[in-house]
Amino acid sequence: MYVKLISDGTWFVKGSEVWHYDKFERISEKDWAEWCKAGIINCRGIRVDDGIELIDGETCILDEFKVEIVENKTPYA
């Protein structure tokens, strides 16, 4: 199982999905449990800078995301 993270718009585009920092896939439940202990997560997603959409990485607090447990590891699937 994997964790689907949807941004609240704090850093990444509101309503967009973010993914694992090092690879284009969702975070595993096991990794998510470790991030929950820290209260933060390193992830990548879409951000808008000067009107241009780009992929960016950031350390975010967990409250910035709506969390869903899903079976598919591919973001936007």
Protein backbone atom coordinates (compact mmCIF):
# COMPACT_ATOMS: atom_id res chain seq x y z
CA MET A 1 0.00 0.00 0.00
CA TYR A 2 1.06 3.57 -0.69
CA VAL A 3 0.28 7.04 0.55
CA LYS A 4 -1.23 9.58 -1.83
CA LEU A 5 -0.45 13.13 -0.68
CA ILE A 6 -2.53 16.04 -1.99
CA SER A 7 -1.19 19.54 -1.36
CA ASP A 8 -3.18 22.19 0.49
CA GLY A 9 -1.34 24.89 -1.49
CA THR A 10 1.19 25.87 1.18
CA TRP A 11 4.19 25.16 -1.09
CA PHE A 12 3.03 23.00 -3.98
CA VAL A 13 0.06 23.75 -6.26
CA LYS A 14 -3.17 23.37 -4.30
CA GLY A 15 -4.91 20.08 -5.08
CA SER A 16 -1.88 18.59 -6.82
CA GLU A 17 -0.28 15.32 -5.83
CA VAL A 18 3.26 15.19 -4.46
CA TRP A 19 5.53 12.17 -4.49
CA HIS A 20 8.69 10.56 -3.13
CA TYR A 21 11.68 12.93 -3.16
CA ASP A 22 14.09 10.54 -4.88
CA LYS A 23 11.86 8.75 -7.38
CA PHE A 24 8.58 9.38 -9.19
CA GLU A 25 6.36 7.19 -7.05
CA ARG A 26 4.13 7.48 -4.02
CA ILE A 27 5.54 6.98 -0.53
CA SER A 28 5.17 3.49 0.91
CA GLU A 29 3.14 3.05 4.09
CA LYS A 30 6.33 1.92 5.85
CA ASP A 31 8.22 5.09 4.86
CA TRP A 32 5.17 7.20 5.72
CA ALA A 33 5.17 5.78 9.26
CA GLU A 34 8.78 6.91 9.68
CA TRP A 35 8.02 10.40 8.34
CA CYS A 36 5.08 10.65 10.75
CA LYS A 37 7.47 10.14 13.66
CA ALA A 38 9.49 13.14 12.42
CA GLY A 39 6.42 15.28 11.69
CA ILE A 40 7.91 16.36 8.35
CA ILE A 41 8.47 14.85 4.90
CA ASN A 42 10.83 15.45 1.98
CA CYS A 43 8.85 15.31 -1.25
CA ARG A 44 8.60 16.64 -4.79
CA GLY A 45 5.69 18.18 -6.60
CA ILE A 46 4.53 20.98 -8.86
CA ARG A 47 5.06 24.57 -7.80
CA VAL A 48 4.37 27.80 -9.68
CA ASP A 49 7.14 30.41 -9.74
CA ASP A 50 6.59 33.64 -11.69
CA GLY A 51 3.72 31.99 -13.57
CA ILE A 52 5.81 28.99 -14.62
CA GLU A 53 4.99 25.48 -13.39
CA LEU A 54 8.05 23.52 -12.32
CA ILE A 55 8.91 20.41 -10.35
CA ASP A 56 10.41 21.31 -7.00
CA GLY A 57 11.48 19.48 -3.86
CA GLU A 58 10.83 20.67 -0.33
CA THR A 59 10.74 19.60 3.30
CA CYS A 60 7.14 20.09 4.43
CA ILE A 61 5.14 19.58 7.60
CA LEU A 62 2.62 16.77 7.34
CA ASP A 63 -0.35 19.09 7.93
CA GLU A 64 0.15 20.49 4.41
CA PHE A 65 -1.41 17.39 2.84
CA LYS A 66 -4.61 15.46 2.54
CA VAL A 67 -3.60 11.81 2.98
CA GLU A 68 -5.15 8.78 1.28
CA ILE A 69 -4.03 5.14 1.37
CA VAL A 70 -4.02 3.63 -2.13
CA GLU A 71 -2.79 0.46 -3.85
CA ASN A 72 -1.09 2.04 -6.86
CA LYS A 73 2.43 3.45 -6.40
CA THR A 74 2.31 5.65 -9.51
CA PRO A 75 1.43 9.31 -8.83
CA TYR A 76 -1.55 10.74 -10.74
CA ALA A 77 -2.78 7.21 -11.46
